[in-house]
């Protein structure tokens, strides 16, 4: 039985990816800050860990590697957002977004690098439209996703000689936390909780597109109508994308506290 390791595994998209993989015969290891409520059956192993703690992440990864016959797929799904203008944010919030969205993924990739090489498996990064295009009121989030996407695209070139794939999925807006707009002390919000999104997808639909793209061997997987249109408009006319993005996102935005 092949093993997939999913960070942010207790989130809406993480659980849905796991459920669809398990339906295909995979064993899924779900890594998250809390594993409360994870009840996906015997083919699922929850692992509670703070992904931003490098030592704790390394120890958790080593236990997973020791307990599974192979590590065939690692999905970098953990992520948060920060919504609001740059003028109302601070350095702490910016660094916190990077710790979760970028550095946790990099450290996780390092921890599972050799096992994935051994299985000739795959890394799958869950990026965003904000990973290849600007997004209003998301400077920290967009910067972290651009960094994540650049890392995995470059890692793809290095791991190719080892028979390892590095795929990047870029969803637009996935409705995983609608109605849960609460923020922490740094202004961080849950992914999928924004009130200014467009054309929301369900986690089930997003997961199907992501796994279908992975199974078809695609390196880059735009997820949803908005993601596909954004990708092509950005390639053809970045200025047109900027205009459309400002108009659409500004029109949907609701006032928010810094």
Protein backbone atom coordinates (compact mmCIF):
# COMPACT_ATOMS: atom_id res chain seq x y z
CA UNK A 1 0.00 0.00 0.00
CA UNK A 2 1.42 3.38 -1.02
CA UNK A 3 1.71 6.15 1.56
CA UNK A 4 0.84 9.83 1.16
CA UNK A 5 1.88 12.35 3.82
CA UNK A 6 -0.32 15.46 3.93
CA UNK A 7 0.50 18.61 5.89
CA UNK A 8 -2.49 20.59 7.04
CA UNK A 9 -4.21 17.24 6.92
CA UNK A 10 -6.96 18.16 9.37
CA UNK A 11 -8.16 21.06 7.23
CA UNK A 12 -11.02 20.82 4.79
CA UNK A 13 -8.91 20.29 1.68
CA UNK A 14 -6.40 18.07 3.49
CA UNK A 15 -9.10 15.69 4.74
CA UNK A 16 -10.75 15.64 1.33
CA UNK A 17 -7.49 14.85 -0.47
CA UNK A 18 -6.92 12.06 2.04
CA UNK A 19 -10.41 10.61 1.59
CA UNK A 20 -10.05 10.55 -2.20
CA UNK A 21 -6.57 9.00 -2.03
CA UNK A 22 -7.76 6.35 0.43
CA UNK A 23 -10.58 5.50 -1.96
CA UNK A 24 -7.82 4.74 -4.49
CA UNK A 25 -6.09 2.40 -2.03
CA UNK A 26 -3.55 4.74 -0.39
CA UNK A 27 -2.61 5.01 3.26
CA UNK A 28 -2.61 8.67 4.34
CA UNK A 29 -0.63 10.28 7.16
CA UNK A 30 -2.21 13.57 8.20
CA UNK A 31 0.14 16.05 9.89
CA UNK A 32 -1.41 19.05 11.61
CA UNK A 33 -1.25 21.23 14.70
CA UNK A 34 -4.32 19.45 16.00
CA UNK A 35 -5.69 16.07 14.94
CA UNK A 36 -8.92 16.30 16.88
CA UNK A 37 -11.83 14.97 14.87
CA UNK A 38 -9.76 12.98 12.36
CA UNK A 39 -11.87 9.84 11.88
CA UNK A 40 -11.12 8.62 8.39
CA UNK A 41 -10.58 4.97 9.25
CA UNK A 42 -7.70 2.48 9.56
CA UNK A 43 -5.99 3.69 6.36
CA UNK A 44 -5.39 7.05 8.01
CA UNK A 45 -2.71 7.93 10.56
CA UNK A 46 -3.05 11.33 12.30
CA UNK A 47 0.18 12.97 13.52
CA UNK A 48 -0.05 16.00 15.78
CA UNK A 49 2.89 18.35 15.27
CA UNK A 50 3.71 22.03 15.04
CA UNK A 51 5.02 22.25 11.49
CA UNK A 52 6.78 25.54 12.27
CA UNK A 53 8.95 23.82 14.92
CA UNK A 54 11.83 22.34 12.87
CA UNK A 55 12.92 19.91 15.58
CA UNK A 56 9.39 18.62 16.22
CA UNK A 57 8.77 18.31 12.48
CA UNK A 58 12.00 16.37 11.97
CA UNK A 59 11.18 13.95 14.79
CA UNK A 60 7.62 13.40 13.54
CA UNK A 61 8.85 12.79 9.99
CA UNK A 62 11.42 10.26 11.20
CA UNK A 63 8.73 8.28 13.05
CA UNK A 64 6.54 8.28 9.95
CA UNK A 65 9.43 7.05 7.80
CA UNK A 66 10.21 4.28 10.30
CA UNK A 67 6.58 3.12 10.49
CA UNK A 68 5.67 3.10 6.79
CA UNK A 69 7.12 0.77 4.12
CA UNK A 70 7.52 3.68 1.70
CA UNK A 71 6.79 7.39 1.34
CA UNK A 72 5.35 7.77 -2.15
CA UNK A 73 3.71 11.20 -2.08
CA UNK A 74 4.13 14.26 0.12
CA UNK A 75 1.44 16.94 -0.15
CA UNK A 76 2.34 20.38 1.17
CA UNK A 77 -1.13 21.63 2.00
CA UNK A 78 -0.69 23.52 5.28
CA UNK A 79 -1.24 27.23 4.87
CA UNK A 80 -2.73 30.40 6.25
CA UNK A 81 -3.56 33.83 4.88
CA UNK A 82 -3.38 37.42 6.01
CA UNK A 83 -6.04 39.74 4.61
CA UNK A 84 -5.58 43.51 4.70
CA UNK A 85 -3.49 46.26 3.25
CA UNK A 86 0.27 46.27 3.70
CA UNK A 87 -0.05 49.62 5.48
CA UNK A 88 -2.08 47.96 8.25
CA UNK A 89 0.19 44.92 8.70
CA UNK A 90 3.42 44.46 10.63
CA UNK A 91 6.62 42.47 10.37
CA UNK A 92 5.41 39.76 12.77
CA UNK A 93 2.40 38.93 10.64
CA UNK A 94 4.49 38.79 7.48
CA UNK A 95 7.06 36.48 9.08
CA UNK A 96 4.35 34.24 10.55
CA UNK A 97 2.76 33.69 7.14
CA UNK A 98 6.16 32.73 5.72
CA UNK A 99 6.89 30.37 8.63
CA UNK A 100 3.73 28.39 7.90
CA UNK A 101 3.36 28.68 4.14
CA UNK A 102 7.01 28.54 3.07
CA UNK A 103 9.54 27.45 5.69
CA UNK A 104 7.40 24.61 7.08
CA UNK A 105 7.06 23.24 3.54
CA UNK A 106 10.81 23.56 2.88
CA UNK A 107 11.68 21.79 6.14
CA UNK A 108 9.14 19.08 5.42
CA UNK A 109 10.58 18.56 1.92
CA UNK A 110 14.05 18.20 3.45
CA UNK A 111 12.78 15.63 5.97
CA UNK A 112 11.14 13.44 3.31
CA UNK A 113 13.60 14.04 0.46
CA UNK A 114 15.47 10.71 0.64
CA UNK A 115 12.41 8.47 1.22
CA UNK A 116 10.64 10.04 -1.77
CA UNK A 117 13.76 9.49 -3.87
CA UNK A 118 13.83 5.86 -2.76
CA UNK A 119 10.23 5.32 -3.86
CA UNK A 120 10.65 7.48 -6.97
CA UNK A 121 7.58 9.27 -5.72
CA UNK A 122 6.27 12.82 -5.88
CA UNK A 123 6.09 16.12 -4.05
CA UNK A 124 2.81 18.01 -4.51
CA UNK A 125 2.77 21.66 -3.42
CA UNK A 126 -0.63 23.29 -2.88
CA UNK A 127 0.07 26.83 -3.96
CA UNK A 128 -2.52 29.37 -5.10
CA UNK A 129 -3.41 31.81 -7.84
CA UNK A 130 -1.44 34.17 -5.57
CA UNK A 131 1.60 31.98 -6.26
CA UNK A 132 1.86 33.20 -9.85
CA UNK A 133 -0.17 36.43 -9.82
CA UNK A 134 -0.71 39.41 -7.50
CA UNK A 135 -3.72 39.42 -5.18
CA UNK A 136 -5.19 42.52 -3.59
CA UNK A 137 -4.79 42.87 0.18
CA UNK A 138 -2.64 39.70 0.37
CA UNK A 139 0.97 40.96 0.18
CA UNK A 140 2.33 38.47 2.74
CA UNK A 141 0.25 35.58 1.43
CA UNK A 142 1.14 36.22 -2.22
CA UNK A 143 4.82 36.63 -1.38
CA UNK A 144 4.88 33.34 0.55
CA UNK A 145 3.11 31.45 -2.24
CA UNK A 146 5.41 32.94 -4.90
CA UNK A 147 8.34 31.72 -2.78
CA UNK A 148 6.80 28.28 -2.34
CA UNK A 149 6.12 27.95 -6.05
CA UNK A 150 9.64 29.05 -6.95
CA UNK A 151 11.11 26.54 -4.50
CA UNK A 152 9.20 23.52 -5.80
CA UNK A 153 9.67 24.46 -9.47
CA UNK A 154 13.42 24.62 -8.83
CA UNK A 155 13.40 21.44 -6.76
CA UNK A 156 11.71 19.74 -9.73
CA UNK A 157 14.83 20.34 -11.81
CA UNK A 158 17.08 18.84 -9.12
CA UNK A 159 14.92 15.80 -8.36
CA UNK A 160 14.27 14.89 -11.99
CA UNK A 161 17.50 12.89 -12.12
CA UNK A 162 16.23 10.82 -9.17
CA UNK A 163 12.97 9.95 -10.91
CA UNK A 164 11.00 12.20 -8.53
CA UNK A 165 8.19 14.47 -9.65
CA UNK A 166 7.41 17.90 -8.19
CA UNK A 167 3.92 19.08 -9.07
CA UNK A 168 2.35 22.41 -8.14
CA UNK A 169 -1.40 22.89 -7.81
CA UNK A 170 -2.79 26.42 -7.82
CA UNK A 171 -6.38 26.66 -6.58
CA UNK A 172 -8.31 29.92 -6.68
CA UNK A 173 -10.87 30.14 -3.86
CA UNK A 174 -11.79 26.91 -2.05
CA UNK A 175 -14.64 27.14 0.46
CA UNK A 176 -13.03 25.38 3.42
CA UNK A 177 -13.66 27.91 6.21
CA UNK A 178 -16.47 30.17 5.02
CA UNK A 179 -18.13 31.85 8.00
CA UNK A 180 -15.00 31.50 10.18
CA UNK A 181 -13.28 34.88 9.72
CA UNK A 182 -11.62 34.99 13.17
CA UNK A 183 -7.97 36.10 13.29
CA UNK A 184 -5.12 35.41 15.66
CA UNK A 185 -2.94 38.06 17.31
CA UNK A 186 -0.92 38.45 14.09
CA UNK A 187 -3.99 38.96 11.93
CA UNK A 188 -3.66 35.45 10.45
CA UNK A 189 -6.82 33.87 9.05
CA UNK A 190 -7.71 30.33 8.07
CA UNK A 191 -7.45 29.46 4.38
CA UNK A 192 -10.77 29.54 2.56
CA UNK A 193 -12.35 32.02 5.01
CA UNK A 194 -12.12 35.17 2.87
CA UNK A 195 -15.33 37.05 2.17
CA UNK A 196 -13.98 38.70 -0.99
CA UNK A 197 -13.38 35.56 -3.03
CA UNK A 198 -14.70 34.67 -6.47
CA UNK A 199 -16.33 31.53 -7.83
CA UNK A 200 -15.67 29.36 -4.75
CA UNK A 201 -15.01 25.65 -5.27
CA UNK A 202 -15.94 22.90 -2.85
CA UNK A 203 -13.02 20.97 -1.31
CA UNK A 204 -14.31 17.85 -3.07
CA UNK A 205 -14.18 19.45 -6.51
CA UNK A 206 -10.77 21.01 -5.85
CA UNK A 207 -9.31 17.70 -4.64
CA UNK A 208 -10.61 15.86 -7.70
CA UNK A 209 -8.98 18.37 -10.06
CA UNK A 210 -5.69 18.28 -8.12
CA UNK A 211 -5.44 14.48 -8.00
CA UNK A 212 -6.56 14.11 -11.61
CA UNK A 213 -3.80 16.49 -12.69
CA UNK A 214 -1.27 14.62 -10.58
CA UNK A 215 -2.34 11.27 -12.03
CA UNK A 216 -2.01 12.65 -15.55
CA UNK A 217 1.57 13.71 -14.88
CA UNK A 218 1.03 17.46 -14.99
CA UNK A 219 3.70 19.66 -13.41
CA UNK A 220 1.39 22.66 -12.95
CA UNK A 221 -2.31 22.28 -12.12
CA UNK A 222 -4.53 25.40 -12.13
CA UNK A 223 -7.56 24.46 -10.04
CA UNK A 224 -10.88 25.99 -10.98
CA UNK A 225 -12.18 28.40 -13.59
CA UNK A 226 -10.71 31.50 -11.92
CA UNK A 227 -7.28 29.87 -11.68
CA UNK A 228 -7.27 28.82 -15.33
CA UNK A 229 -8.39 32.26 -16.55
CA UNK A 230 -5.94 34.03 -14.25
CA UNK A 231 -3.06 31.92 -15.53
CA UNK A 232 -3.75 32.71 -19.17
CA UNK A 233 -4.53 36.40 -18.63
CA UNK A 234 -1.32 36.82 -16.63
CA UNK A 235 0.65 35.26 -19.48
CA UNK A 236 -1.03 37.39 -22.15
CA UNK A 237 -1.41 40.73 -20.34
CA UNK A 238 -0.30 41.28 -16.73
CA UNK A 239 -1.74 44.80 -16.81
CA UNK A 240 -5.16 43.48 -17.80
CA UNK A 241 -4.97 40.96 -14.98
CA UNK A 242 -4.15 43.76 -12.50
CA UNK A 243 -7.14 45.77 -13.70
CA UNK A 244 -9.59 42.85 -13.51
CA UNK A 245 -8.26 41.67 -10.16
CA UNK A 246 -8.56 45.12 -8.55
CA UNK A 247 -12.08 45.56 -9.88
CA UNK A 248 -13.37 42.12 -8.92
CA UNK A 249 -11.69 41.75 -5.52
CA UNK A 250 -12.38 45.36 -4.47
CA UNK A 251 -16.00 44.93 -5.41
CA UNK A 252 -16.39 41.83 -3.24
CA UNK A 253 -14.36 43.04 -0.28
CA UNK A 254 -15.93 43.82 3.05
CA UNK A 255 -14.34 46.24 5.54
CA UNK A 256 -11.83 44.51 7.78
CA UNK A 257 -9.96 45.46 10.88
CA UNK A 258 -6.16 45.80 10.69
